[in-house]
Protein backbone atom coordinates (compact mmCIF):
# COMPACT_ATOMS: atom_id res chain seq x y z
CA MET A 1 125.17 114.73 45.84
CA HIS A 2 121.42 115.00 46.41
CA ASP A 3 119.01 115.70 43.58
CA PHE A 4 117.03 118.24 45.63
CA VAL A 5 117.41 120.04 48.93
CA VAL A 6 114.03 121.24 50.16
CA VAL A 7 114.03 124.16 52.60
CA GLY A 8 110.82 124.26 54.62
CA CYS A 9 108.39 121.42 55.33
CA GLY A 10 104.99 123.07 55.27
CA PRO A 11 102.35 121.71 52.88
CA ALA A 12 104.13 122.80 49.67
CA GLY A 13 107.58 121.62 50.76
CA SER A 14 106.44 118.25 52.08
CA ARG A 15 104.20 117.67 49.07
CA PHE A 16 107.06 118.36 46.66
CA ALA A 17 109.44 116.18 48.69
CA ARG A 18 106.95 113.32 48.69
CA GLN A 19 106.26 113.51 44.96
CA ALA A 20 109.91 113.94 43.98
CA SER A 21 110.98 111.05 46.22
CA ALA A 22 108.22 108.85 44.81
CA ALA A 23 109.57 109.64 41.34
CA GLY A 24 112.95 108.22 42.36
CA HIS A 25 114.87 111.38 43.26
CA ASP A 26 117.22 111.73 46.22
CA VAL A 27 115.59 114.39 48.40
CA LEU A 28 116.95 115.99 51.56
CA ALA A 29 114.53 118.31 53.39
CA PHE A 30 115.09 120.72 56.27
CA GLU A 31 112.61 122.22 58.75
CA GLN A 32 113.82 125.00 61.02
CA GLY A 33 112.03 123.72 64.11
CA THR A 34 109.36 121.07 64.58
CA VAL A 35 107.07 120.41 61.64
CA GLY A 36 103.76 122.20 62.10
CA GLU A 37 104.99 124.60 64.78
CA PRO A 38 104.40 127.38 65.40
CA LEU A 39 100.90 127.50 63.93
CA ALA A 40 100.49 130.56 61.70
CA CYS A 41 97.76 129.58 59.26
CA SER A 42 94.03 128.94 59.30
CA GLY A 43 92.67 125.42 59.05
CA HIS A 44 89.76 126.33 56.74
CA VAL A 45 90.33 124.53 53.42
CA SER A 46 88.45 123.42 50.33
CA THR A 47 87.30 119.82 50.12
CA ASP A 48 89.89 119.30 47.36
CA LEU A 49 92.51 119.07 50.12
CA TRP A 50 91.83 115.36 50.53
CA LYS A 51 93.31 114.67 47.09
CA PHE A 52 96.73 115.59 48.48
CA VAL A 53 96.85 113.60 51.72
CA PRO A 54 97.00 109.84 52.38
CA ASP A 55 93.62 108.14 52.18
CA ASP A 56 93.57 107.20 55.85
CA ALA A 57 94.39 110.71 57.12
CA ARG A 58 90.93 112.28 56.87
CA PRO A 59 89.38 110.91 60.09
CA GLU A 60 92.17 112.34 62.24
CA LEU A 61 92.45 115.69 60.45
CA PHE A 62 88.76 116.51 59.90
CA GLN A 63 87.10 118.86 62.41
CA ASN A 64 84.00 120.38 60.77
CA GLU A 65 82.04 120.77 57.54
CA ILE A 66 81.21 124.20 56.13
CA THR A 67 78.37 124.88 53.66
CA GLY A 68 78.54 128.66 53.40
CA ALA A 69 79.45 132.06 54.80
CA ASN A 70 77.66 135.03 56.32
CA PHE A 71 79.16 138.37 55.25
CA HIS A 72 78.90 141.35 57.59
CA HIS A 73 79.81 145.03 57.24
CA GLY A 74 79.94 145.43 61.00
CA GLY A 75 80.17 143.29 64.12
CA PRO A 76 78.45 140.01 64.96
CA ASP A 77 75.06 141.70 65.43
CA SER A 78 75.11 143.51 62.08
CA HIS A 79 73.05 142.44 59.08
CA ALA A 80 74.41 139.33 57.35
CA HIS A 81 74.42 138.47 53.65
CA PRO A 82 74.28 134.64 53.42
CA PHE A 83 76.05 132.64 50.70
CA TYR A 84 75.65 128.87 50.81
CA ARG A 85 75.32 125.52 49.06
CA GLU A 86 73.38 122.41 49.96
CA GLU A 87 76.56 120.30 50.05
CA ALA A 88 79.89 121.07 51.73
CA ILE A 89 81.89 123.94 50.31
CA SER A 90 84.85 123.46 52.61
CA ASN A 91 86.19 121.67 55.67
CA VAL A 92 87.91 122.74 58.84
CA ILE A 93 90.95 120.65 59.70
CA ASP A 94 93.67 120.18 62.30
CA ARG A 95 96.20 122.51 60.68
CA VAL A 96 99.21 121.31 62.70
CA GLY A 97 98.18 117.73 62.05
CA LEU A 98 98.08 118.42 58.31
CA ASP A 99 101.72 119.52 58.25
CA ARG A 100 102.80 116.49 60.23
CA THR A 101 100.78 114.13 58.05
CA LEU A 102 102.31 115.52 54.86
CA ALA A 103 105.82 115.39 56.33
CA GLU A 104 105.36 111.77 57.35
CA ALA A 105 104.10 110.94 53.85
CA ALA A 106 107.28 112.49 52.45
CA ARG A 107 109.41 110.38 54.79
CA GLU A 108 107.53 107.23 53.81
CA ALA A 109 108.20 108.04 50.15
CA GLY A 110 111.94 108.16 50.86
CA THR A 111 112.68 111.79 51.79
CA ASP A 112 115.41 112.36 54.37
CA LEU A 113 113.48 115.00 56.35
CA ARG A 114 115.38 116.61 59.21
CA GLU A 115 113.79 118.84 61.81
CA ASP A 116 115.65 121.43 63.93
CA HIS A 117 117.83 122.35 60.96
CA THR A 118 118.10 126.06 60.14
CA VAL A 119 119.35 127.09 56.70
CA LEU A 120 121.98 129.82 57.01
CA GLY A 121 123.00 130.32 53.39
CA VAL A 122 122.43 129.14 49.82
CA ASP A 123 124.85 129.45 46.92
CA GLU A 124 124.16 128.59 43.30
CA HIS A 125 127.00 127.25 41.15
CA ASP A 126 127.09 126.20 37.51
CA ASP A 127 126.48 122.53 38.28
CA HIS A 128 125.08 122.45 41.83
CA VAL A 129 123.85 124.41 44.84
CA SER A 130 125.43 124.51 48.29
CA VAL A 131 123.19 124.85 51.35
CA GLU A 132 124.71 125.77 54.70
CA VAL A 133 122.69 124.51 57.66
CA ARG A 134 122.91 124.80 61.43
CA SER A 135 121.94 121.44 62.94
CA PRO A 136 121.94 120.19 66.55
CA ASP A 137 125.45 118.89 65.82
CA GLY A 138 126.85 122.10 64.37
CA VAL A 139 127.11 123.83 61.01
CA GLU A 140 126.98 121.61 57.90
CA THR A 141 127.09 122.15 54.16
CA HIS A 142 125.05 119.99 51.78
CA ASP A 143 125.32 119.94 48.00
CA ALA A 144 122.48 119.22 45.63
CA LYS A 145 121.65 119.63 41.99
CA MET A 146 118.78 121.97 42.90
CA VAL A 147 117.23 123.72 45.90
CA ALA A 148 113.51 124.22 46.53
CA GLY A 149 112.66 127.27 48.64
CA CYS A 150 109.48 126.37 50.52
CA ASP A 151 110.35 128.46 53.55
CA GLY A 152 107.49 130.89 53.83
CA PRO A 153 106.77 134.58 53.26
CA ARG A 154 110.22 135.74 54.38
CA SER A 155 112.01 133.00 52.46
CA ARG A 156 115.74 132.85 53.17
CA VAL A 157 116.25 130.98 49.91
CA ARG A 158 114.56 133.81 48.03
CA ARG A 159 116.69 136.44 49.75
CA GLU A 160 119.97 134.52 49.49
CA LEU A 161 119.52 134.05 45.74
CA ASP A 162 118.12 137.55 45.16
CA LEU A 163 114.87 136.32 43.65
CA PRO A 164 111.99 138.82 43.34
CA GLU A 165 109.76 139.56 46.33
CA PRO A 166 105.95 139.14 46.50
CA ASP A 167 103.87 142.21 45.73
CA GLU A 168 102.57 142.55 49.28
CA LEU A 169 102.81 141.11 52.79
CA LEU A 170 99.79 141.24 55.09
CA HIS A 171 99.93 140.70 58.84
CA GLY A 172 97.54 138.00 60.03
CA VAL A 173 96.48 137.18 63.60
CA LEU A 174 94.70 134.02 64.78
CA GLY A 175 93.19 133.13 68.13
CA PHE A 176 91.15 130.21 69.41
CA THR A 177 88.50 129.44 72.00
CA ASP A 178 87.64 125.99 73.29
CA GLU A 179 83.84 125.98 73.29
CA PRO A 180 82.52 123.43 70.74
CA ASP A 181 80.71 124.86 67.73
CA HIS A 182 79.35 122.62 65.00
CA GLY A 183 77.82 125.43 62.96
CA ASP A 184 78.18 125.03 59.23
CA ARG A 185 78.89 128.64 58.21
CA VAL A 186 81.86 130.90 58.68
CA SER A 187 81.39 134.58 59.48
CA VAL A 188 83.25 137.16 57.39
CA HIS A 189 83.49 140.78 58.57
CA LEU A 190 84.50 143.48 56.08
CA THR A 191 85.62 145.74 58.90
CA VAL A 192 89.42 145.93 58.45
CA PRO A 193 91.35 147.93 55.83
CA THR A 194 91.70 146.17 52.44
CA PHE A 195 90.91 142.73 53.89
CA PHE A 196 88.56 141.10 56.43
CA ALA A 197 88.11 139.37 59.78
CA TRP A 198 86.63 135.91 60.27
CA ARG A 199 85.08 133.46 62.70
CA ILE A 200 85.30 129.74 61.88
CA PRO A 201 83.46 127.00 63.84
CA ARG A 202 85.77 124.01 64.37
CA GLY A 203 83.35 121.43 65.78
CA ASP A 204 84.56 119.91 69.06
CA ALA A 205 87.90 121.69 68.62
CA GLY A 206 86.35 125.11 69.34
CA VAL A 207 86.29 128.32 67.30
CA GLU A 208 88.94 130.15 65.29
CA TYR A 209 88.96 133.95 65.12
CA GLY A 210 91.27 135.85 62.80
CA LEU A 211 91.97 138.85 60.64
CA ALA A 212 94.61 140.22 58.31
CA VAL A 213 95.65 143.80 57.63
CA PRO A 214 98.53 145.66 55.96
CA PRO A 215 101.65 145.79 58.16
CA THR A 216 100.78 149.30 59.37
CA GLY A 217 97.19 148.35 60.22
CA ASP A 218 97.60 147.51 63.96
CA ALA A 219 96.63 143.85 63.61
CA SER A 220 96.80 143.15 67.36
CA GLY A 221 94.64 146.11 68.32
CA ARG A 222 92.03 145.35 65.69
CA PHE A 223 92.00 141.70 66.73
CA GLU A 224 91.29 142.71 70.34
CA GLU A 225 88.39 144.87 69.17
CA PHE A 226 87.06 142.09 66.94
CA THR A 227 87.05 139.38 69.61
CA ALA A 228 85.66 141.81 72.20
CA ALA A 229 82.69 142.37 69.91
CA TYR A 230 82.04 138.63 70.13
CA GLY A 231 82.52 138.76 73.90
CA VAL A 232 85.37 136.24 73.93
CA GLU A 233 88.97 136.02 75.04
CA THR A 234 91.07 133.78 72.84
CA ASP A 235 93.78 131.31 73.80
CA HIS A 236 96.67 129.99 71.72
CA ARG A 237 97.04 133.23 69.78
CA CYS A 238 99.50 133.27 66.89
CA SER A 239 100.42 135.54 64.02
CA GLY A 240 102.22 135.46 60.70
CA LEU A 241 102.73 137.14 57.38
CA ILE A 242 100.55 136.45 54.35
CA PRO A 243 102.17 136.99 50.94
CA ILE A 244 99.94 138.34 48.18
CA GLY A 245 100.90 138.64 44.51
CA PRO A 246 103.45 136.24 42.99
CA PRO A 247 106.63 137.87 41.68
CA GLU A 248 107.39 137.84 37.98
CA SER A 249 109.75 134.88 38.45
CA VAL A 250 110.00 132.18 41.11
CA THR A 251 113.02 130.38 39.64
CA GLY A 252 116.76 130.92 39.51
CA HIS A 253 119.57 129.01 37.82
CA ARG A 254 119.26 125.91 40.01
CA SER A 255 116.55 127.06 42.38
CA PHE A 256 112.80 127.46 42.60
CA LEU A 257 110.21 128.67 45.08
CA LEU A 258 106.99 127.03 46.20
CA GLY A 259 104.02 127.97 48.35
CA ASP A 260 104.19 131.12 50.45
CA ALA A 261 107.79 131.72 49.36
CA ALA A 262 106.41 132.15 45.82
CA ALA A 263 103.24 133.94 47.01
CA GLN A 264 101.16 131.16 45.46
CA THR A 265 98.14 132.27 47.49
CA LYS A 266 94.57 133.46 46.98
CA PRO A 267 94.56 137.28 46.99
CA PHE A 268 90.99 137.42 48.30
CA THR A 269 91.51 135.12 51.33
CA GLY A 270 95.26 134.77 51.80
CA GLY A 271 94.98 130.97 51.84
CA GLY A 272 97.61 129.04 49.95
CA ILE A 273 97.58 125.40 51.04
CA ARG A 274 96.00 123.99 47.89
CA TYR A 275 97.70 126.42 45.49
CA GLY A 276 101.09 125.59 46.97
CA MET A 277 100.55 121.86 46.64
CA ILE A 278 99.30 122.20 43.06
CA ALA A 279 102.51 124.07 42.24
CA ALA A 280 104.51 121.41 44.09
CA ASP A 281 103.02 118.70 41.90
CA HIS A 282 103.93 120.66 38.77
CA ALA A 283 107.48 121.10 40.06
CA ALA A 284 107.90 117.41 40.86
CA GLU A 285 106.52 116.40 37.46
CA ARG A 286 108.43 118.85 35.30
CA ILE A 287 111.75 119.74 36.94
CA ASP A 288 114.67 117.49 36.06
CA PRO A 289 117.54 118.22 38.47
CA ASP A 290 120.05 117.33 35.75
CA HIS A 291 118.55 119.88 33.34
CA PRO A 292 118.07 123.39 34.78
CA GLU A 293 116.23 124.48 31.66
CA THR A 294 113.24 122.45 32.89
CA LEU A 295 112.67 125.12 35.55
CA ALA A 296 110.99 127.12 32.79
CA ASP A 297 108.51 124.27 32.34
CA TYR A 298 107.57 124.55 36.00
CA GLU A 299 107.10 128.32 35.73
CA THR A 300 104.80 127.86 32.75
CA ALA A 301 102.81 124.97 34.22
CA TRP A 302 101.89 126.47 37.58
CA ARG A 303 101.05 129.85 36.07
CA ASP A 304 98.87 128.20 33.41
CA GLU A 305 96.81 126.50 36.12
CA LEU A 306 96.76 129.16 38.83
CA GLY A 307 97.56 132.48 37.14
CA ARG A 308 94.01 133.24 35.99
CA GLU A 309 92.57 132.33 39.38
CA ILE A 310 95.05 134.63 41.12
CA ARG A 311 94.27 137.51 38.76
CA LEU A 312 90.53 137.07 39.24
CA GLY A 313 91.09 136.75 42.98
CA SER A 314 92.79 140.14 42.93
CA LEU A 315 89.67 141.62 41.34
CA VAL A 316 87.49 140.02 44.01
CA ARG A 317 89.67 141.55 46.70
CA ARG A 318 89.18 145.03 45.24
CA GLY A 319 85.56 144.67 46.27
CA TYR A 320 86.69 144.93 49.91
CA GLU A 321 87.68 148.54 49.23
CA MET A 322 84.45 149.62 47.55
CA PRO A 323 82.08 152.03 49.31
CA GLU A 324 79.83 150.17 51.70
CA SER A 325 76.74 151.08 49.69
CA LEU A 326 78.13 149.33 46.61
CA GLN A 327 79.16 146.31 48.67
CA HIS A 328 75.62 146.01 50.03
CA LEU A 329 74.17 146.25 46.53
CA GLY A 330 76.46 143.58 45.12
CA MET A 331 75.85 141.21 48.00
CA ARG A 332 72.09 141.61 47.79
CA LEU A 333 72.27 140.68 44.11
CA PHE A 334 74.35 137.53 44.67
CA GLN A 335 73.40 136.34 48.16
CA GLY A 336 71.65 133.03 48.53
CA GLU A 337 72.58 129.68 47.07
CA ILE A 338 75.82 129.72 45.08
CA GLY A 339 77.64 127.44 42.67
CA VAL A 340 81.21 128.59 43.21
CA HIS A 341 84.38 126.83 44.39
CA MET A 342 86.21 128.59 47.24
CA ASP A 343 89.61 128.24 45.52
CA ARG A 344 88.52 129.13 41.99
CA PRO A 345 87.15 132.63 41.38
CA SER A 346 86.61 131.61 37.75
CA THR A 347 83.59 129.59 38.94
CA LEU A 348 81.80 132.90 39.44
CA PHE A 349 81.15 132.55 35.70
CA SER A 350 80.38 128.81 35.73
CA LYS A 351 77.20 127.04 34.66
CA ALA A 352 76.64 126.02 38.29
CA GLN A 353 76.72 129.65 39.44
CA LEU A 354 74.45 130.75 36.57
CA LYS A 355 72.00 128.01 37.49
CA ALA A 356 72.04 129.13 41.13
CA LEU A 357 71.33 132.74 40.10
CA LEU A 358 68.51 131.76 37.74
CA SER A 359 66.89 129.60 40.42
CA ARG A 360 66.17 132.76 42.45
CA SER A 361 64.25 134.52 39.68
């Protein structure tokens, strides 16, 4: 019997598999198709990402360095409120390459990671879980002491075990153009309901355009309007759901959720790569597959580190719904050099941010 079956090999799943395998656990991991495909997530990440990948991975994954953002209330020609730092705030990376790098790191740590395996059902028992999987060779059943649901916004593990749903699911659309752009600022457009649209320069890899809206918000139509305003037609378009708002519990009797399956994302951007891997590290450190009661330690640990940031992020997102006049006022007050971290809204109240504000007076 395996210690853990991991369902889903995105960043959170592969990170947990790697850490749990490195700790000596027997880990079997399943990915529905090919790791990293289809792409459904932006490659704009904080510089803290590099703490979670092998040391030699950066040169192949890195695409561009970002030092700030220009916020707009209209299209590309509208007035911009600049927010920036002298050093890099974030990086743009090869998003597919990241998934594959993390999966390979899990394999090297000892994880039996199998692609083209679709989980059909999950059952919890008193002393184990049973996971039914369709593989290229047919339907199989694998037993483990615990199962990790890392299988995205519409997690089958979550549904099979009747775990609570995220508060909200947004519909995101991404598209890409090939012209090189080494600019060091992203463009953010507060022109879609309750969220925003973006343009991200990716160096030699081109440009990423995207937006996210509630499911009834006509994401495709708005995306066409957005890219038309920039005068571009995108290739390699993709879409996906973005979970916002973690449920009250992400654990069962012998099960737990990670990453998008647990809605461990930033409410104000929808990004969840770093949050999911932080939670994965807590899970690998605290969950003992022989002692289900340790699942409570995981719940406490990840919420202690990320809960405040998620709550503050929800407050930041409410600003997207304010009247435009109030948005302009707030941005005029805070625009300029900043001292915040893109993954930690709490840094809005940091000494670095206070110093940046005082330097303008």
